[in-house]
Amino acid sequence: MNPTIPPTVVAALAALQAAITLASPLANQSLLGLAPCINAALALVQALDSAIAGLAPSIDNISPSGGPVAIIAQVNAAYTAAQLQAQLVTMRGYAGRVLLNLQQATG
């Protein structure tokens, strides 16, 4: 099973892309012109933070009860959640950098 990026993150990323497209070229924008980009980047960071935190219970709660088949299923589910969490953490790093760059551009 391939991990799937949550719809909230996909929507926040699309909103950021749209805001940046509308504001391009960014070098010519004032604080007022960059504000929608900054807000969209912040929303993406927040969506990623929520998605990352939401995966913790599915990674941290493997129960030894239920027999070998149940344990294997839990380990497989935790592995899939960990893969997704790793992708989201990487995305969070990039989104945070975009946010910081936009904030620095405003002085």
C-alpha atoms as a PDB file:
ATOM      1  CA  MET A   1       0.000   0.000   0.000  1.00  0.00           C
ATOM      2  CA  ASN A   2       1.397   3.408  -0.979  1.00  0.00           C
ATOM      3  CA  PRO A   3       1.053   6.228   1.501  1.00  0.00           C
ATOM      4  CA  THR A   4      -1.299   8.985   0.402  1.00  0.00           C
ATOM      5  CA  ILE A   5      -0.804  12.678   1.087  1.00  0.00           C
ATOM      6  CA  PRO A   6      -3.832  13.979   3.031  1.00  0.00           C
ATOM      7  CA  PRO A   7      -6.312  16.110   1.039  1.00  0.00           C
ATOM      8  CA  THR A   8      -5.820  19.057   3.411  1.00  0.00           C
ATOM      9  CA  VAL A   9      -2.128  19.150   2.535  1.00  0.00           C
ATOM     10  CA  VAL A  10      -2.833  18.823  -1.196  1.00  0.00           C
ATOM     11  CA  ALA A  11      -5.348  21.690  -1.018  1.00  0.00           C
ATOM     12  CA  ALA A  12      -2.962  23.903   0.974  1.00  0.00           C
ATOM     13  CA  LEU A  13      -0.160  23.201  -1.514  1.00  0.00           C
ATOM     14  CA  ALA A  14      -2.439  24.061  -4.440  1.00  0.00           C
ATOM     15  CA  ALA A  15      -3.432  27.315  -2.718  1.00  0.00           C
ATOM     16  CA  LEU A  16       0.225  28.232  -2.210  1.00  0.00           C
ATOM     17  CA  GLN A  17       1.023  27.470  -5.839  1.00  0.00           C
ATOM     18  CA  ALA A  18      -1.898  29.628  -6.976  1.00  0.00           C
ATOM     19  CA  ALA A  19      -0.879  32.517  -4.702  1.00  0.00           C
ATOM     20  CA  ILE A  20       2.702  32.415  -5.961  1.00  0.00           C
ATOM     21  CA  THR A  21       1.534  32.277  -9.578  1.00  0.00           C
ATOM     22  CA  LEU A  22      -0.672  35.323  -9.035  1.00  0.00           C
ATOM     23  CA  ALA A  23       2.126  37.253  -7.316  1.00  0.00           C
ATOM     24  CA  SER A  24       4.827  36.452  -9.861  1.00  0.00           C
ATOM     25  CA  PRO A  25       7.348  37.908 -10.268  1.00  0.00           C
ATOM     26  CA  LEU A  26       7.832  37.868  -6.508  1.00  0.00           C
ATOM     27  CA  ALA A  27      10.809  40.219  -6.606  1.00  0.00           C
ATOM     28  CA  ASN A  28       8.496  43.050  -7.695  1.00  0.00           C
ATOM     29  CA  GLN A  29       5.964  42.554  -4.902  1.00  0.00           C
ATOM     30  CA  SER A  30       5.450  44.699  -1.825  1.00  0.00           C
ATOM     31  CA  LEU A  31       4.481  43.325   1.575  1.00  0.00           C
ATOM     32  CA  LEU A  32       0.851  43.687   0.568  1.00  0.00           C
ATOM     33  CA  GLY A  33       1.489  41.725  -2.623  1.00  0.00           C
ATOM     34  CA  LEU A  34       3.340  38.948  -0.771  1.00  0.00           C
ATOM     35  CA  ALA A  35       0.831  38.643   2.082  1.00  0.00           C
ATOM     36  CA  PRO A  36      -1.382  36.069   0.290  1.00  0.00           C
ATOM     37  CA  CYS A  37       1.712  33.970  -0.461  1.00  0.00           C
ATOM     38  CA  ILE A  38       2.884  34.175   3.151  1.00  0.00           C
ATOM     39  CA  ASN A  39      -0.566  33.248   4.446  1.00  0.00           C
ATOM     40  CA  ALA A  40      -0.809  30.322   2.030  1.00  0.00           C
ATOM     41  CA  ALA A  41       2.662  29.087   3.003  1.00  0.00           C
ATOM     42  CA  LEU A  42       1.739  29.333   6.678  1.00  0.00           C
ATOM     43  CA  ALA A  43      -1.468  27.381   6.013  1.00  0.00           C
ATOM     44  CA  LEU A  44       0.558  24.670   4.274  1.00  0.00           C
ATOM     45  CA  VAL A  45       2.990  24.439   7.197  1.00  0.00           C
ATOM     46  CA  GLN A  46       0.062  24.152   9.619  1.00  0.00           C
ATOM     47  CA  ALA A  47      -1.645  21.486   7.484  1.00  0.00           C
ATOM     48  CA  LEU A  48       1.588  19.498   7.380  1.00  0.00           C
ATOM     49  CA  ASP A  49       2.095  19.829  11.139  1.00  0.00           C
ATOM     50  CA  SER A  50      -1.430  18.526  11.745  1.00  0.00           C
ATOM     51  CA  ALA A  51      -0.983  15.640   9.316  1.00  0.00           C
ATOM     52  CA  ILE A  52       2.343  14.642  10.877  1.00  0.00           C
ATOM     53  CA  ALA A  53       0.906  14.731  14.394  1.00  0.00           C
ATOM     54  CA  GLY A  54      -2.135  12.780  13.254  1.00  0.00           C
ATOM     55  CA  LEU A  55       0.027   9.868  12.126  1.00  0.00           C
ATOM     56  CA  ALA A  56       1.740   9.357  15.489  1.00  0.00           C
ATOM     57  CA  PRO A  57      -0.971   7.115  16.999  1.00  0.00           C
ATOM     58  CA  SER A  58      -0.854   4.728  14.042  1.00  0.00           C
ATOM     59  CA  ILE A  59       2.924   4.404  14.417  1.00  0.00           C
ATOM     60  CA  ASP A  60       3.221   4.288  18.192  1.00  0.00           C
ATOM     61  CA  ASN A  61       0.441   1.872  19.138  1.00  0.00           C
ATOM     62  CA  ILE A  62       1.339  -1.664  18.185  1.00  0.00           C
ATOM     63  CA  SER A  63      -0.389  -4.108  20.508  1.00  0.00           C
ATOM     64  CA  PRO A  64       1.158  -7.513  21.213  1.00  0.00           C
ATOM     65  CA  SER A  65      -2.283  -9.067  21.639  1.00  0.00           C
ATOM     66  CA  GLY A  66      -4.210 -10.657  18.825  1.00  0.00           C
ATOM     67  CA  GLY A  67      -1.712 -13.188  17.611  1.00  0.00           C
ATOM     68  CA  PRO A  68       1.005 -13.182  14.949  1.00  0.00           C
ATOM     69  CA  VAL A  69      -1.246 -12.271  12.014  1.00  0.00           C
ATOM     70  CA  ALA A  70      -2.640  -9.246  13.849  1.00  0.00           C
ATOM     71  CA  ILE A  71       0.826  -8.127  14.901  1.00  0.00           C
ATOM     72  CA  ILE A  72       2.128  -8.410  11.336  1.00  0.00           C
ATOM     73  CA  ALA A  73      -0.828  -6.366  10.074  1.00  0.00           C
ATOM     74  CA  GLN A  74      -0.141  -3.712  12.718  1.00  0.00           C
ATOM     75  CA  VAL A  75       3.551  -3.587  11.851  1.00  0.00           C
ATOM     76  CA  ASN A  76       2.724  -3.244   8.141  1.00  0.00           C
ATOM     77  CA  ALA A  77       0.257  -0.432   8.899  1.00  0.00           C
ATOM     78  CA  ALA A  78       2.821   1.306  11.112  1.00  0.00           C
ATOM     79  CA  TYR A  79       5.439   0.979   8.366  1.00  0.00           C
ATOM     80  CA  THR A  80       3.091   2.569   5.826  1.00  0.00           C
ATOM     81  CA  ALA A  81       2.260   5.385   8.253  1.00  0.00           C
ATOM     82  CA  ALA A  82       5.972   5.916   8.924  1.00  0.00           C
ATOM     83  CA  GLN A  83       6.650   6.198   5.182  1.00  0.00           C
ATOM     84  CA  LEU A  84       3.940   8.836   4.873  1.00  0.00           C
ATOM     85  CA  GLN A  85       5.205  10.644   7.951  1.00  0.00           C
ATOM     86  CA  ALA A  86       8.707  10.765   6.444  1.00  0.00           C
ATOM     87  CA  GLN A  87       7.313  12.260   3.228  1.00  0.00           C
ATOM     88  CA  LEU A  88       5.313  14.826   5.179  1.00  0.00           C
ATOM     89  CA  VAL A  89       8.316  15.791   7.323  1.00  0.00           C
ATOM     90  CA  THR A  90      10.354  16.383   4.164  1.00  0.00           C
ATOM     91  CA  MET A  91       7.525  18.455   2.706  1.00  0.00           C
ATOM     92  CA  ARG A  92       7.337  20.368   6.006  1.00  0.00           C
ATOM     93  CA  GLY A  93      10.989  21.279   5.678  1.00  0.00           C
ATOM     94  CA  TYR A  94      10.508  22.633   2.168  1.00  0.00           C
ATOM     95  CA  ALA A  95       7.311  24.475   3.092  1.00  0.00           C
ATOM     96  CA  GLY A  96       8.998  26.010   6.112  1.00  0.00           C
ATOM     97  CA  ARG A  97      11.839  27.220   3.925  1.00  0.00           C
ATOM     98  CA  VAL A  98       9.386  28.760   1.445  1.00  0.00           C
ATOM     99  CA  LEU A  99       7.620  30.524   4.319  1.00  0.00           C
ATOM    100  CA  LEU A 100      10.906  31.838   5.705  1.00  0.00           C
ATOM    101  CA  ASN A 101      12.046  33.064   2.286  1.00  0.00           C
ATOM    102  CA  LEU A 102       8.753  34.897   1.751  1.00  0.00           C
ATOM    103  CA  GLN A 103       8.918  36.451   5.207  1.00  0.00           C
ATOM    104  CA  GLN A 104      12.518  37.583   4.639  1.00  0.00           C
ATOM    105  CA  ALA A 105      11.547  39.124   1.308  1.00  0.00           C
ATOM    106  CA  THR A 106       9.287  41.531   3.150  1.00  0.00           C
ATOM    107  CA  GLY A 107      12.161  42.966   5.154  1.00  0.00           C
END
